Each structure stands twice: as C-alpha cells, then as structure tokens.
Amino acid sequence: MSETTSRSMRARGRARRELLLDATLAIIAERGIAGVTHRSVAAAADVPHSSTTYFFDSLDDMIGEAVAHAMDAEFERLQQFRAVLESGAGSPGAAIDEFVEIVRQQSDEHTVAQFEIYLFASRHPALRAHVERILDETRELAGSVLRVNGVTDPHAAAAVVALIDGFALHRIARSEVVQYQSLARALRATLVGFVTLAATTSLGESASPLE
C-alpha cells in the first residue's frame, strides 16, 4: 500500500469517526443520553451499524468520546475569545458584548447537549474532568474581564459563569424571544456590583460572612 493511499484511508477514518461523534451529540440534544445507541448513532450518521463498534470499544466509550469532542470544540471557542481579550482590541464592555455574542451564536441543540453532558458527567467521574476543564477555563476568562475592571474578588468569576449558564438554561426551557441585551445588562450590573462591593468593604473585612 502506498503512503498516499495510507494517508487517504486514515483521513477517511478520522472523518467517519468525527461524523459518528457529531451524530452522537445530535442525538443527545434531541433525545438525551438514553437515546444514544449504536444503532441510532449509525443511522443518524448514515453509516453501517458496524462502524460504531469499529471505532469505539463500547457505548460508554462512544459517549465519553463525544463528551470530550464537544468540550474540545467549546474549549477552542473560548480560546478564540481569549485571543480577542488579550489583544486589547476593545474595552472591557466590548469584551462582555463579545462574550454575549458567543452565547447568541450557540444553537439550542448545542446548549441542550451541553446540559445533558453536565448531568451525565456528574454521574461518571471519568468524564467529569472534561466538564471541569471547560468550567475552569470559562471562569478564568470571566476573571480576566473582571480583573481588567479592578475586580479581584475570588467569588466574582464563578458568579458570572453561573449567571451565564443560568441564562442559557432558561433560554432552552422557555419558548420566548431571547433578550440578549438582558444578559449583557446583567453582566454589567454584576460587574458594577462587585466593584461597589470592593469599594464599600472595610480593609481586612471578609467579603462574605459565609466563606
């Protein structure tokens, strides 16, 4: 077998494997984790049933790889946002608007799959690391925006990410027109709130009595 033919076969194999992972995520969004079977994934990907067992050792392996695949795609998007943030191309307010735009561009199917994966990973410790990696990266990005505005409160980044996730969860739970300006204003209000909190907290006083 020539090297050219070998490379071509490897490329086709990678393409089919990614097709199966995308199909798995589509099924998770449509039917939940319980809807993922070898047969349903193969049908969604329009490939022979044997393809799933060729590329994946088990159903759990296929789901786990799909989780990692989804988290890698999300990580790449966050890295692109980080590049924009670190370039200093815009104001902190512009960074918030850019982040809201990322949320706006995310499809409902992707968001549903995201929360399905969060719940699934909470019951499967081996997959939890993928979700924690994205949450940590998102918090770090939120912390970067906050620090630009002088906010160093250790609770601020986690609060901002929880706000964004809550907005996303409500977006898929309610059949109403999404008001992304509401999210942008909420993020600005949170920013102002932490700035004010820092300014009004006495030196040496705990930022929260519940720490």
N, C-alpha and C. Protein backbone atom coordinates (compact mmCIF):
# COMPACT_ATOMS: atom_id res chain seq x y z
N MET A 1 0.86 -1.20 0.00
CA MET A 1 0.00 0.00 0.00
C MET A 1 0.89 1.25 0.00
N SER A 2 0.60 2.16 -0.90
CA SER A 2 1.42 3.36 -0.99
C SER A 2 1.13 4.29 0.18
N GLU A 3 2.10 5.18 0.46
CA GLU A 3 1.93 6.15 1.54
C GLU A 3 0.74 7.05 1.28
N THR A 4 0.52 7.42 0.02
CA THR A 4 -0.61 8.28 -0.34
C THR A 4 -1.94 7.60 -0.03
N THR A 5 -2.02 6.31 -0.40
CA THR A 5 -3.24 5.54 -0.12
C THR A 5 -3.47 5.40 1.37
N SER A 6 -2.39 5.16 2.12
CA SER A 6 -2.49 5.02 3.57
C SER A 6 -2.99 6.30 4.22
N ARG A 7 -2.45 7.44 3.79
CA ARG A 7 -2.89 8.73 4.35
C ARG A 7 -4.36 8.98 4.03
N SER A 8 -4.76 8.60 2.81
CA SER A 8 -6.15 8.80 2.40
C SER A 8 -7.09 7.96 3.26
N MET A 9 -6.70 6.73 3.56
CA MET A 9 -7.53 5.86 4.39
C MET A 9 -7.62 6.39 5.82
N ARG A 10 -6.49 6.88 6.33
CA ARG A 10 -6.51 7.45 7.69
C ARG A 10 -7.41 8.68 7.75
N ALA A 11 -7.35 9.49 6.71
CA ALA A 11 -8.18 10.69 6.66
C ALA A 11 -9.66 10.32 6.61
N ARG A 12 -10.00 9.31 5.83
CA ARG A 12 -11.40 8.87 5.76
C ARG A 12 -11.85 8.30 7.10
N GLY A 13 -10.93 7.60 7.77
CA GLY A 13 -11.27 7.05 9.08
C GLY A 13 -11.53 8.14 10.09
N ARG A 14 -10.69 9.18 10.10
CA ARG A 14 -10.89 10.30 11.02
C ARG A 14 -12.20 11.01 10.72
N ALA A 15 -12.51 11.18 9.44
CA ALA A 15 -13.74 11.87 9.05
C ALA A 15 -14.97 11.08 9.50
N ARG A 16 -14.93 9.76 9.33
CA ARG A 16 -16.07 8.93 9.74
C ARG A 16 -16.22 8.93 11.25
N ARG A 17 -15.10 8.87 11.96
CA ARG A 17 -15.16 8.88 13.42
C ARG A 17 -15.77 10.20 13.92
N GLU A 18 -15.36 11.32 13.34
CA GLU A 18 -15.92 12.61 13.73
C GLU A 18 -17.39 12.70 13.38
N LEU A 19 -17.77 12.09 12.24
CA LEU A 19 -19.18 12.06 11.85
C LEU A 19 -20.00 11.33 12.91
N LEU A 20 -19.46 10.24 13.43
CA LEU A 20 -20.16 9.48 14.46
C LEU A 20 -20.26 10.28 15.76
N LEU A 21 -19.21 11.00 16.10
CA LEU A 21 -19.25 11.82 17.31
C LEU A 21 -20.28 12.94 17.18
N ASP A 22 -20.32 13.58 16.01
CA ASP A 22 -21.31 14.64 15.78
C ASP A 22 -22.72 14.07 15.85
N ALA A 23 -22.91 12.88 15.31
CA ALA A 23 -24.23 12.23 15.35
C ALA A 23 -24.62 11.91 16.79
N THR A 24 -23.66 11.47 17.58
CA THR A 24 -23.92 11.18 19.00
C THR A 24 -24.38 12.43 19.73
N LEU A 25 -23.71 13.55 19.48
CA LEU A 25 -24.10 14.81 20.13
C LEU A 25 -25.48 15.27 19.67
N ALA A 26 -25.79 15.06 18.39
CA ALA A 26 -27.10 15.45 17.88
C ALA A 26 -28.20 14.64 18.56
N ILE A 27 -27.94 13.37 18.77
CA ILE A 27 -28.92 12.52 19.44
C ILE A 27 -29.07 12.92 20.91
N ILE A 28 -27.96 13.24 21.56
CA ILE A 28 -28.02 13.70 22.95
C ILE A 28 -28.90 14.93 23.06
N ALA A 29 -28.75 15.85 22.11
CA ALA A 29 -29.55 17.08 22.13
C ALA A 29 -31.02 16.79 21.87
N GLU A 30 -31.29 15.82 21.02
CA GLU A 30 -32.67 15.53 20.63
C GLU A 30 -33.39 14.60 21.59
N ARG A 31 -32.68 13.58 22.08
CA ARG A 31 -33.34 12.54 22.88
C ARG A 31 -32.74 12.33 24.26
N GLY A 32 -31.63 12.99 24.53
CA GLY A 32 -30.95 12.76 25.79
C GLY A 32 -29.96 11.61 25.68
N ILE A 33 -29.19 11.42 26.74
CA ILE A 33 -28.18 10.36 26.74
C ILE A 33 -28.82 9.00 26.52
N ALA A 34 -30.02 8.79 27.07
CA ALA A 34 -30.69 7.49 26.95
C ALA A 34 -30.99 7.13 25.50
N GLY A 35 -31.06 8.14 24.63
CA GLY A 35 -31.36 7.88 23.23
C GLY A 35 -30.17 7.43 22.41
N VAL A 36 -28.99 7.44 23.02
CA VAL A 36 -27.77 7.06 22.30
C VAL A 36 -27.60 5.55 22.31
N THR A 37 -27.68 4.94 21.15
CA THR A 37 -27.40 3.53 20.96
C THR A 37 -26.52 3.38 19.73
N HIS A 38 -25.90 2.23 19.60
CA HIS A 38 -25.09 2.00 18.40
C HIS A 38 -25.92 2.18 17.14
N ARG A 39 -27.13 1.64 17.18
CA ARG A 39 -27.99 1.69 16.00
C ARG A 39 -28.44 3.12 15.69
N SER A 40 -28.84 3.89 16.73
CA SER A 40 -29.33 5.24 16.49
C SER A 40 -28.22 6.14 15.97
N VAL A 41 -27.01 5.97 16.49
CA VAL A 41 -25.88 6.79 16.04
C VAL A 41 -25.52 6.46 14.60
N ALA A 42 -25.46 5.18 14.28
CA ALA A 42 -25.13 4.78 12.91
C ALA A 42 -26.17 5.30 11.93
N ALA A 43 -27.44 5.23 12.32
CA ALA A 43 -28.49 5.72 11.44
C ALA A 43 -28.39 7.23 11.25
N ALA A 44 -28.14 7.96 12.33
CA ALA A 44 -28.02 9.41 12.24
C ALA A 44 -26.82 9.83 11.39
N ALA A 45 -25.75 9.04 11.46
CA ALA A 45 -24.55 9.35 10.69
C ALA A 45 -24.63 8.80 9.27
N ASP A 46 -25.65 7.96 9.02
CA ASP A 46 -25.84 7.33 7.71
C ASP A 46 -24.63 6.49 7.32
N VAL A 47 -24.21 5.66 8.28
CA VAL A 47 -23.09 4.75 8.04
C VAL A 47 -23.51 3.35 8.50
N PRO A 48 -22.80 2.32 8.09
CA PRO A 48 -23.14 0.96 8.54
C PRO A 48 -23.08 0.84 10.06
N HIS A 49 -23.94 -0.02 10.60
CA HIS A 49 -24.01 -0.22 12.04
C HIS A 49 -22.67 -0.65 12.61
N SER A 50 -21.91 -1.41 11.85
CA SER A 50 -20.62 -1.92 12.32
C SER A 50 -19.59 -0.82 12.55
N SER A 51 -19.83 0.36 11.98
CA SER A 51 -18.87 1.46 12.13
C SER A 51 -18.71 1.87 13.58
N THR A 52 -19.80 1.82 14.35
CA THR A 52 -19.72 2.28 15.74
C THR A 52 -18.84 1.34 16.57
N THR A 53 -18.97 0.05 16.34
CA THR A 53 -18.15 -0.89 17.11
C THR A 53 -16.72 -0.96 16.58
N TYR A 54 -16.52 -0.53 15.35
CA TYR A 54 -15.16 -0.49 14.81
C TYR A 54 -14.35 0.63 15.45
N PHE A 55 -14.98 1.78 15.63
CA PHE A 55 -14.26 2.95 16.14
C PHE A 55 -14.31 3.06 17.66
N PHE A 56 -15.29 2.43 18.30
CA PHE A 56 -15.45 2.59 19.75
C PHE A 56 -15.61 1.23 20.42
N ASP A 57 -14.96 1.07 21.56
CA ASP A 57 -14.97 -0.22 22.25
C ASP A 57 -16.34 -0.55 22.85
N SER A 58 -17.07 0.49 23.25
CA SER A 58 -18.37 0.28 23.90
C SER A 58 -19.23 1.53 23.72
N LEU A 59 -20.48 1.42 24.13
CA LEU A 59 -21.38 2.57 24.07
C LEU A 59 -20.88 3.68 24.99
N ASP A 60 -20.45 3.30 26.18
CA ASP A 60 -19.92 4.30 27.12
C ASP A 60 -18.69 4.99 26.54
N ASP A 61 -17.87 4.22 25.84
CA ASP A 61 -16.68 4.79 25.21
C ASP A 61 -17.09 5.82 24.16
N MET A 62 -18.10 5.49 23.37
CA MET A 62 -18.57 6.40 22.33
C MET A 62 -19.14 7.69 22.94
N ILE A 63 -19.93 7.53 23.99
CA ILE A 63 -20.50 8.70 24.66
C ILE A 63 -19.39 9.54 25.28
N GLY A 64 -18.44 8.87 25.92
CA GLY A 64 -17.33 9.59 26.53
C GLY A 64 -16.51 10.36 25.52
N GLU A 65 -16.26 9.75 24.36
CA GLU A 65 -15.51 10.44 23.31
C GLU A 65 -16.32 11.62 22.77
N ALA A 66 -17.63 11.46 22.70
CA ALA A 66 -18.48 12.55 22.23
C ALA A 66 -18.44 13.72 23.21
N VAL A 67 -18.44 13.41 24.51
CA VAL A 67 -18.32 14.45 25.53
C VAL A 67 -17.00 15.21 25.36
N ALA A 68 -15.91 14.46 25.20
CA ALA A 68 -14.61 15.09 25.00
C ALA A 68 -14.59 15.92 23.72
N HIS A 69 -15.22 15.41 22.68
CA HIS A 69 -15.30 16.10 21.39
C HIS A 69 -16.03 17.44 21.54
N ALA A 70 -17.15 17.41 22.25
CA ALA A 70 -17.94 18.63 22.46
C ALA A 70 -17.17 19.63 23.31
N MET A 71 -16.51 19.14 24.35
CA MET A 71 -15.77 20.02 25.23
C MET A 71 -14.55 20.62 24.53
N ASP A 72 -13.92 19.85 23.64
CA ASP A 72 -12.78 20.37 22.87
C ASP A 72 -13.23 21.50 21.95
N ALA A 73 -14.41 21.33 21.33
CA ALA A 73 -14.93 22.38 20.45
C ALA A 73 -15.24 23.64 21.25
N GLU A 74 -15.79 23.46 22.45
CA GLU A 74 -16.10 24.60 23.31
C GLU A 74 -14.82 25.27 23.78
N PHE A 75 -13.81 24.46 24.10
CA PHE A 75 -12.53 24.99 24.54
C PHE A 75 -11.90 25.85 23.43
N GLU A 76 -12.02 25.39 22.18
CA GLU A 76 -11.46 26.14 21.06
C GLU A 76 -12.16 27.49 20.91
N ARG A 77 -13.48 27.49 21.09
CA ARG A 77 -14.21 28.76 21.01
C ARG A 77 -13.78 29.72 22.11
N LEU A 78 -13.58 29.19 23.30
CA LEU A 78 -13.14 30.03 24.42
C LEU A 78 -11.72 30.55 24.19
N GLN A 79 -10.88 29.74 23.59
CA GLN A 79 -9.54 30.18 23.29
C GLN A 79 -9.53 31.32 22.27
N GLN A 80 -10.44 31.26 21.32
CA GLN A 80 -10.58 32.35 20.35
C GLN A 80 -11.00 33.64 21.05
N PHE A 81 -11.92 33.50 22.00
CA PHE A 81 -12.35 34.66 22.77
C PHE A 81 -11.19 35.20 23.61
N ARG A 82 -10.39 34.29 24.19
CA ARG A 82 -9.25 34.72 24.97
C ARG A 82 -8.27 35.52 24.12
N ALA A 83 -8.07 35.08 22.86
CA ALA A 83 -7.16 35.78 21.96
C ALA A 83 -7.65 37.21 21.71
N VAL A 84 -8.97 37.36 21.54
CA VAL A 84 -9.55 38.69 21.34
C VAL A 84 -9.35 39.54 22.59
N LEU A 85 -9.58 38.93 23.74
CA LEU A 85 -9.46 39.64 25.02
C LEU A 85 -8.02 40.10 25.25
N GLU A 86 -7.07 39.20 25.01
CA GLU A 86 -5.68 39.51 25.29
C GLU A 86 -5.06 40.45 24.26
N SER A 87 -5.71 40.60 23.10
CA SER A 87 -5.19 41.51 22.09
C SER A 87 -5.39 42.96 22.50
N GLY A 88 -6.31 43.18 23.46
CA GLY A 88 -6.60 44.53 23.91
C GLY A 88 -7.29 45.36 22.86
N ALA A 89 -7.99 44.66 21.93
CA ALA A 89 -8.62 45.35 20.80
C ALA A 89 -9.84 46.16 21.21
N GLY A 90 -10.41 45.85 22.36
CA GLY A 90 -11.61 46.55 22.75
C GLY A 90 -11.65 46.83 24.24
N SER A 91 -12.66 47.57 24.67
CA SER A 91 -12.83 47.89 26.08
C SER A 91 -13.40 46.69 26.82
N PRO A 92 -13.36 46.70 28.15
CA PRO A 92 -13.98 45.62 28.92
C PRO A 92 -15.46 45.45 28.57
N GLY A 93 -16.15 46.56 28.34
CA GLY A 93 -17.54 46.48 27.93
C GLY A 93 -17.69 45.76 26.60
N ALA A 94 -16.76 46.01 25.69
CA ALA A 94 -16.78 45.33 24.40
C ALA A 94 -16.53 43.84 24.58
N ALA A 95 -15.69 43.48 25.55
CA ALA A 95 -15.43 42.07 25.83
C ALA A 95 -16.70 41.37 26.30
N ILE A 96 -17.49 42.06 27.12
CA ILE A 96 -18.76 41.49 27.56
C ILE A 96 -19.67 41.27 26.37
N ASP A 97 -19.74 42.27 25.48
CA ASP A 97 -20.58 42.14 24.29
C ASP A 97 -20.12 40.99 23.41
N GLU A 98 -18.80 40.81 23.32
CA GLU A 98 -18.25 39.72 22.52
C GLU A 98 -18.64 38.37 23.11
N PHE A 99 -18.60 38.28 24.43
CA PHE A 99 -18.97 37.03 25.08
C PHE A 99 -20.45 36.74 24.90
N VAL A 100 -21.28 37.77 24.99
CA VAL A 100 -22.72 37.59 24.77
C VAL A 100 -22.97 37.12 23.34
N GLU A 101 -22.18 37.62 22.40
CA GLU A 101 -22.32 37.19 21.01
C GLU A 101 -21.99 35.70 20.87
N ILE A 102 -21.01 35.22 21.61
CA ILE A 102 -20.70 33.80 21.60
C ILE A 102 -21.90 32.99 22.08
N VAL A 103 -22.55 33.46 23.13
CA VAL A 103 -23.74 32.80 23.66
C VAL A 103 -24.86 32.84 22.62
N ARG A 104 -25.00 33.98 21.97
CA ARG A 104 -26.09 34.14 20.99
C ARG A 104 -25.92 33.20 19.81
N GLN A 105 -24.68 32.95 19.40
CA GLN A 105 -24.42 32.11 18.24
C GLN A 105 -24.57 30.62 18.56
N GLN A 106 -24.61 30.28 19.83
CA GLN A 106 -24.72 28.88 20.21
C GLN A 106 -26.14 28.39 19.93
N SER A 107 -26.26 27.30 19.20
CA SER A 107 -27.58 26.77 18.85
C SER A 107 -28.25 26.16 20.08
N ASP A 108 -29.59 26.10 20.03
CA ASP A 108 -30.33 25.48 21.13
C ASP A 108 -29.91 24.02 21.30
N GLU A 109 -29.68 23.33 20.17
CA GLU A 109 -29.28 21.92 20.23
C GLU A 109 -27.96 21.76 20.99
N HIS A 110 -27.03 22.68 20.72
CA HIS A 110 -25.73 22.62 21.39
C HIS A 110 -25.90 22.86 22.88
N THR A 111 -26.76 23.81 23.24
CA THR A 111 -26.98 24.13 24.65
C THR A 111 -27.64 22.97 25.38
N VAL A 112 -28.63 22.35 24.74
CA VAL A 112 -29.29 21.19 25.34
C VAL A 112 -28.27 20.08 25.57
N ALA A 113 -27.46 19.81 24.55
CA ALA A 113 -26.43 18.77 24.69
C ALA A 113 -25.46 19.12 25.81
N GLN A 114 -25.12 20.40 25.94
CA GLN A 114 -24.19 20.84 26.98
C GLN A 114 -24.71 20.46 28.36
N PHE A 115 -25.98 20.76 28.65
CA PHE A 115 -26.51 20.47 29.97
C PHE A 115 -26.76 18.98 30.18
N GLU A 116 -27.13 18.27 29.11
CA GLU A 116 -27.24 16.82 29.20
C GLU A 116 -25.88 16.22 29.59
N ILE A 117 -24.83 16.74 28.95
CA ILE A 117 -23.48 16.26 29.23
C ILE A 117 -23.06 16.59 30.66
N TYR A 118 -23.41 17.78 31.14
CA TYR A 118 -23.09 18.16 32.51
C TYR A 118 -23.69 17.14 33.49
N LEU A 119 -24.96 16.80 33.28
CA LEU A 119 -25.64 15.87 34.17
C LEU A 119 -25.04 14.47 34.06
N PHE A 120 -24.76 14.05 32.83
CA PHE A 120 -24.19 12.73 32.61
C PHE A 120 -22.82 12.63 33.27
N ALA A 121 -22.00 13.66 33.09
CA ALA A 121 -20.64 13.65 33.66
C ALA A 121 -20.68 13.66 35.18
N SER A 122 -21.72 14.25 35.76
CA SER A 122 -21.81 14.29 37.23
C SER A 122 -21.96 12.89 37.81
N ARG A 123 -22.43 11.94 36.97
CA ARG A 123 -22.61 10.56 37.42
C ARG A 123 -21.49 9.64 36.93
N HIS A 124 -20.58 10.21 36.15
CA HIS A 124 -19.47 9.42 35.60
C HIS A 124 -18.16 10.17 35.85
N PRO A 125 -17.52 9.89 36.97
CA PRO A 125 -16.31 10.63 37.36
C PRO A 125 -15.24 10.69 36.29
N ALA A 126 -15.15 9.65 35.47
CA ALA A 126 -14.11 9.63 34.44
C ALA A 126 -14.31 10.74 33.41
N LEU A 127 -15.55 11.19 33.23
CA LEU A 127 -15.85 12.23 32.26
C LEU A 127 -15.89 13.62 32.89
N ARG A 128 -15.92 13.67 34.20
CA ARG A 128 -16.08 14.94 34.89
C ARG A 128 -14.93 15.90 34.59
N ALA A 129 -13.76 15.35 34.36
CA ALA A 129 -12.59 16.20 34.09
C ALA A 129 -12.79 17.05 32.85
N HIS A 130 -13.48 16.53 31.83
CA HIS A 130 -13.71 17.29 30.60
C HIS A 130 -14.59 18.51 30.89
N VAL A 131 -15.64 18.30 31.68
CA VAL A 131 -16.55 19.39 32.02
C VAL A 131 -15.84 20.40 32.93
N GLU A 132 -15.10 19.89 33.91
CA GLU A 132 -14.40 20.79 34.83
C GLU A 132 -13.38 21.65 34.09
N ARG A 133 -12.76 21.09 33.07
CA ARG A 133 -11.79 21.85 32.28
C ARG A 133 -12.44 23.06 31.62
N ILE A 134 -13.64 22.85 31.07
CA ILE A 134 -14.35 23.96 30.41
C ILE A 134 -14.82 24.97 31.44
N LEU A 135 -15.35 24.51 32.56
CA LEU A 135 -15.81 25.43 33.59
C LEU A 135 -14.64 26.26 34.13
N ASP A 136 -13.51 25.61 34.34
CA ASP A 136 -12.33 26.33 34.83
C ASP A 136 -11.87 27.37 33.81
N GLU A 137 -11.86 26.99 32.54
CA GLU A 137 -11.43 27.92 31.50
C GLU A 137 -12.40 29.10 31.39
N THR A 138 -13.70 28.82 31.48
CA THR A 138 -14.70 29.88 31.40
C THR A 138 -14.56 30.83 32.58
N ARG A 139 -14.34 30.28 33.76
CA ARG A 139 -14.15 31.12 34.94
C ARG A 139 -12.90 31.97 34.82
N GLU A 140 -11.84 31.40 34.25
CA GLU A 140 -10.61 32.15 34.07
C GLU A 140 -10.82 33.32 33.11
N LEU A 141 -11.58 33.08 32.04
CA LEU A 141 -11.88 34.15 31.10
C LEU A 141 -12.72 35.24 31.77
N ALA A 142 -13.72 34.81 32.53
CA ALA A 142 -14.54 35.79 33.26
C ALA A 142 -13.67 36.57 34.22
N GLY A 143 -12.75 35.87 34.89
CA GLY A 143 -11.86 36.54 35.82
C GLY A 143 -10.98 37.56 35.12
N SER A 144 -10.56 37.26 33.88
CA SER A 144 -9.72 38.20 33.12
C SER A 144 -10.47 39.50 32.86
N VAL A 145 -11.73 39.38 32.43
CA VAL A 145 -12.54 40.58 32.19
C VAL A 145 -12.73 41.36 33.48
N LEU A 146 -12.99 40.64 34.57
CA LEU A 146 -13.22 41.30 35.86
C LEU A 146 -11.96 42.01 36.34
N ARG A 147 -10.82 41.36 36.19
CA ARG A 147 -9.57 41.97 36.66
C ARG A 147 -9.23 43.24 35.89
N VAL A 148 -9.58 43.26 34.60
CA VAL A 148 -9.37 44.48 33.81
C VAL A 148 -10.11 45.64 34.45
N ASN A 149 -11.24 45.34 35.10
CA ASN A 149 -12.04 46.37 35.75
C ASN A 149 -11.71 46.52 37.23
N GLY A 150 -10.61 45.91 37.66
CA GLY A 150 -10.19 46.06 39.04
C GLY A 150 -10.90 45.16 40.02
N VAL A 151 -11.65 44.16 39.54
CA VAL A 151 -12.36 43.25 40.43
C VAL A 151 -11.48 42.02 40.69
N THR A 152 -11.10 41.82 41.92
CA THR A 152 -10.26 40.68 42.28
C THR A 152 -10.95 39.74 43.26
N ASP A 153 -12.22 39.99 43.53
CA ASP A 153 -12.99 39.14 44.44
C ASP A 153 -12.93 37.69 43.93
N PRO A 154 -12.50 36.74 44.76
CA PRO A 154 -12.36 35.35 44.31
C PRO A 154 -13.68 34.67 43.96
N HIS A 155 -14.80 35.27 44.39
CA HIS A 155 -16.11 34.69 44.10
C HIS A 155 -16.72 35.23 42.81
N ALA A 156 -16.15 36.29 42.27
CA ALA A 156 -16.79 37.00 41.17
C ALA A 156 -16.89 36.16 39.89
N ALA A 157 -15.79 35.52 39.50
CA ALA A 157 -15.78 34.77 38.24
C ALA A 157 -16.79 33.64 38.26
N ALA A 158 -16.85 32.90 39.36
CA ALA A 158 -17.80 31.79 39.47
C ALA A 158 -19.23 32.30 39.40
N ALA A 159 -19.48 33.46 40.00
CA ALA A 159 -20.83 34.04 39.97
C ALA A 159 -21.22 34.43 38.55
N VAL A 160 -20.29 34.99 37.80
CA VAL A 160 -20.56 35.40 36.42
C VAL A 160 -20.86 34.19 35.55
N VAL A 161 -20.07 33.13 35.69
CA VAL A 161 -20.29 31.93 34.89
C VAL A 161 -21.63 31.29 35.24
N ALA A 162 -21.97 31.27 36.52
CA ALA A 162 -23.27 30.72 36.93
C ALA A 162 -24.41 31.54 36.33
N LEU A 163 -24.24 32.85 36.25
CA LEU A 163 -25.25 33.72 35.65
C LEU A 163 -25.43 33.37 34.17
N ILE A 164 -24.32 33.19 33.46
CA ILE A 164 -24.38 32.88 32.04
C ILE A 164 -25.03 31.52 31.82
N ASP A 165 -24.64 30.52 32.61
CA ASP A 165 -25.22 29.19 32.46
C ASP A 165 -26.71 29.20 32.80
N GLY A 166 -27.08 29.97 33.82
CA GLY A 166 -28.49 30.07 34.18
C GLY A 166 -29.30 30.68 33.06
N PHE A 167 -28.76 31.71 32.43
CA PHE A 167 -29.43 32.34 31.29
C PHE A 167 -29.60 31.32 30.17
N ALA A 168 -28.53 30.56 29.88
CA ALA A 168 -28.59 29.58 28.80
C ALA A 168 -29.61 28.49 29.11
N LEU A 169 -29.67 28.06 30.36
CA LEU A 169 -30.63 27.03 30.75
C LEU A 169 -32.06 27.52 30.60
N HIS A 170 -32.32 28.73 31.02
CA HIS A 170 -33.67 29.29 30.88
C HIS A 170 -34.02 29.52 29.42
N ARG A 171 -33.00 29.83 28.62
CA ARG A 171 -33.23 30.06 27.19
C ARG A 171 -33.81 28.82 26.51
N ILE A 172 -33.33 27.64 26.90
CA ILE A 172 -33.83 26.43 26.27
C ILE A 172 -35.09 25.88 26.95
N ALA A 173 -35.38 26.39 28.17
CA ALA A 173 -36.53 25.90 28.92
C ALA A 173 -37.81 26.67 28.60
N ARG A 174 -37.67 27.91 28.08
CA ARG A 174 -38.83 28.76 27.83
C ARG A 174 -38.96 29.06 26.34
N SER A 175 -40.17 29.00 25.85
CA SER A 175 -40.42 29.30 24.44
C SER A 175 -40.77 30.79 24.31
N GLU A 176 -39.76 31.62 24.44
CA GLU A 176 -39.96 33.05 24.33
C GLU A 176 -38.79 33.66 23.56
N VAL A 177 -38.99 34.87 23.09
CA VAL A 177 -37.93 35.56 22.37
C VAL A 177 -36.79 35.85 23.34
N VAL A 178 -35.60 35.48 22.94
CA VAL A 178 -34.45 35.66 23.81
C VAL A 178 -33.99 37.11 23.78
N GLN A 179 -33.81 37.70 24.95
CA GLN A 179 -33.37 39.07 25.07
C GLN A 179 -31.90 39.08 25.50
N TYR A 180 -31.02 39.07 24.51
CA TYR A 180 -29.60 39.01 24.83
C TYR A 180 -29.12 40.30 25.48
N GLN A 181 -29.85 41.40 25.25
CA GLN A 181 -29.49 42.64 25.93
C GLN A 181 -29.66 42.47 27.44
N SER A 182 -30.61 41.63 27.84
CA SER A 182 -30.81 41.39 29.27
C SER A 182 -29.58 40.73 29.88
N LEU A 183 -28.99 39.78 29.15
CA LEU A 183 -27.79 39.12 29.64
C LEU A 183 -26.64 40.12 29.71
N ALA A 184 -26.48 40.94 28.68
CA ALA A 184 -25.40 41.94 28.68
C ALA A 184 -25.56 42.91 29.85
N ARG A 185 -26.79 43.35 30.10
CA ARG A 185 -27.03 44.28 31.21
C ARG A 185 -26.80 43.60 32.56
N ALA A 186 -27.18 42.33 32.65
CA ALA A 186 -26.97 41.59 33.90
C ALA A 186 -25.49 41.43 34.18
N LEU A 187 -24.71 41.16 33.15
CA LEU A 187 -23.26 41.03 33.33
C LEU A 187 -22.64 42.35 33.75
N ARG A 188 -23.10 43.44 33.14
CA ARG A 188 -22.59 44.76 33.53
C ARG A 188 -22.99 45.10 34.97
N ALA A 189 -24.24 44.75 35.31
CA ALA A 189 -24.71 45.02 36.67
C ALA A 189 -23.90 44.22 37.69
N THR A 190 -23.58 42.97 37.34
CA THR A 190 -22.76 42.14 38.23
C THR A 190 -21.37 42.75 38.39
N LEU A 191 -20.82 43.23 37.29
CA LEU A 191 -19.51 43.87 37.32
C LEU A 191 -19.53 45.08 38.24
N VAL A 192 -20.52 45.94 38.04
CA VAL A 192 -20.65 47.14 38.86
C VAL A 192 -20.86 46.75 40.33
N GLY A 193 -21.65 45.71 40.55
CA GLY A 193 -21.91 45.27 41.91
C GLY A 193 -20.65 44.84 42.65
N PHE A 194 -19.78 44.09 41.97
CA PHE A 194 -18.55 43.66 42.62
C PHE A 194 -17.58 44.82 42.82
N VAL A 195 -17.57 45.77 41.88
CA VAL A 195 -16.74 46.97 42.06
C VAL A 195 -17.21 47.74 43.29
N THR A 196 -18.53 47.90 43.41
CA THR A 196 -19.09 48.62 44.55
C THR A 196 -18.83 47.87 45.85
N LEU A 197 -18.97 46.54 45.80
CA LEU A 197 -18.73 45.73 46.99
C LEU A 197 -17.30 45.90 47.49
N ALA A 198 -16.36 45.89 46.54
CA ALA A 198 -14.95 46.06 46.92
C ALA A 198 -14.71 47.43 47.52
N ALA A 199 -15.40 48.46 46.97
CA ALA A 199 -15.19 49.83 47.44
C ALA A 199 -15.80 50.07 48.81
N THR A 200 -16.84 49.29 49.15
CA THR A 200 -17.55 49.54 50.41
C THR A 200 -17.18 48.56 51.52
N THR A 201 -16.32 47.59 51.17
CA THR A 201 -15.89 46.63 52.19
C THR A 201 -14.68 47.18 52.92
N SER A 202 -14.76 47.18 54.22
CA SER A 202 -13.65 47.71 55.02
C SER A 202 -12.41 46.85 54.84
N LEU A 203 -11.25 47.46 54.96
CA LEU A 203 -9.99 46.74 54.86
C LEU A 203 -9.95 45.65 55.93
N GLY A 204 -9.59 44.44 55.48
CA GLY A 204 -9.49 43.34 56.42
C GLY A 204 -10.81 42.67 56.73
N GLU A 205 -11.92 43.19 56.19
CA GLU A 205 -13.22 42.60 56.42
C GLU A 205 -13.50 41.54 55.38
N SER A 206 -14.02 40.41 55.76
CA SER A 206 -14.33 39.34 54.81
C SER A 206 -15.37 39.81 53.84
N ALA A 207 -15.22 39.46 52.55
CA ALA A 207 -16.18 39.84 51.53
C ALA A 207 -17.50 39.11 51.72
N SER A 208 -17.46 38.00 52.43
CA SER A 208 -18.68 37.22 52.65
C SER A 208 -18.63 36.54 53.99
N PRO A 209 -19.67 36.68 54.80
CA PRO A 209 -19.68 36.02 56.11
C PRO A 209 -19.85 34.51 55.98
N LEU A 210 -20.13 34.02 54.77
CA LEU A 210 -20.38 32.59 54.58
C LEU A 210 -19.16 31.84 54.10
N GLU A 211 -18.02 32.53 53.97
CA GLU A 211 -16.79 31.87 53.50
C GLU A 211 -16.38 30.76 54.46
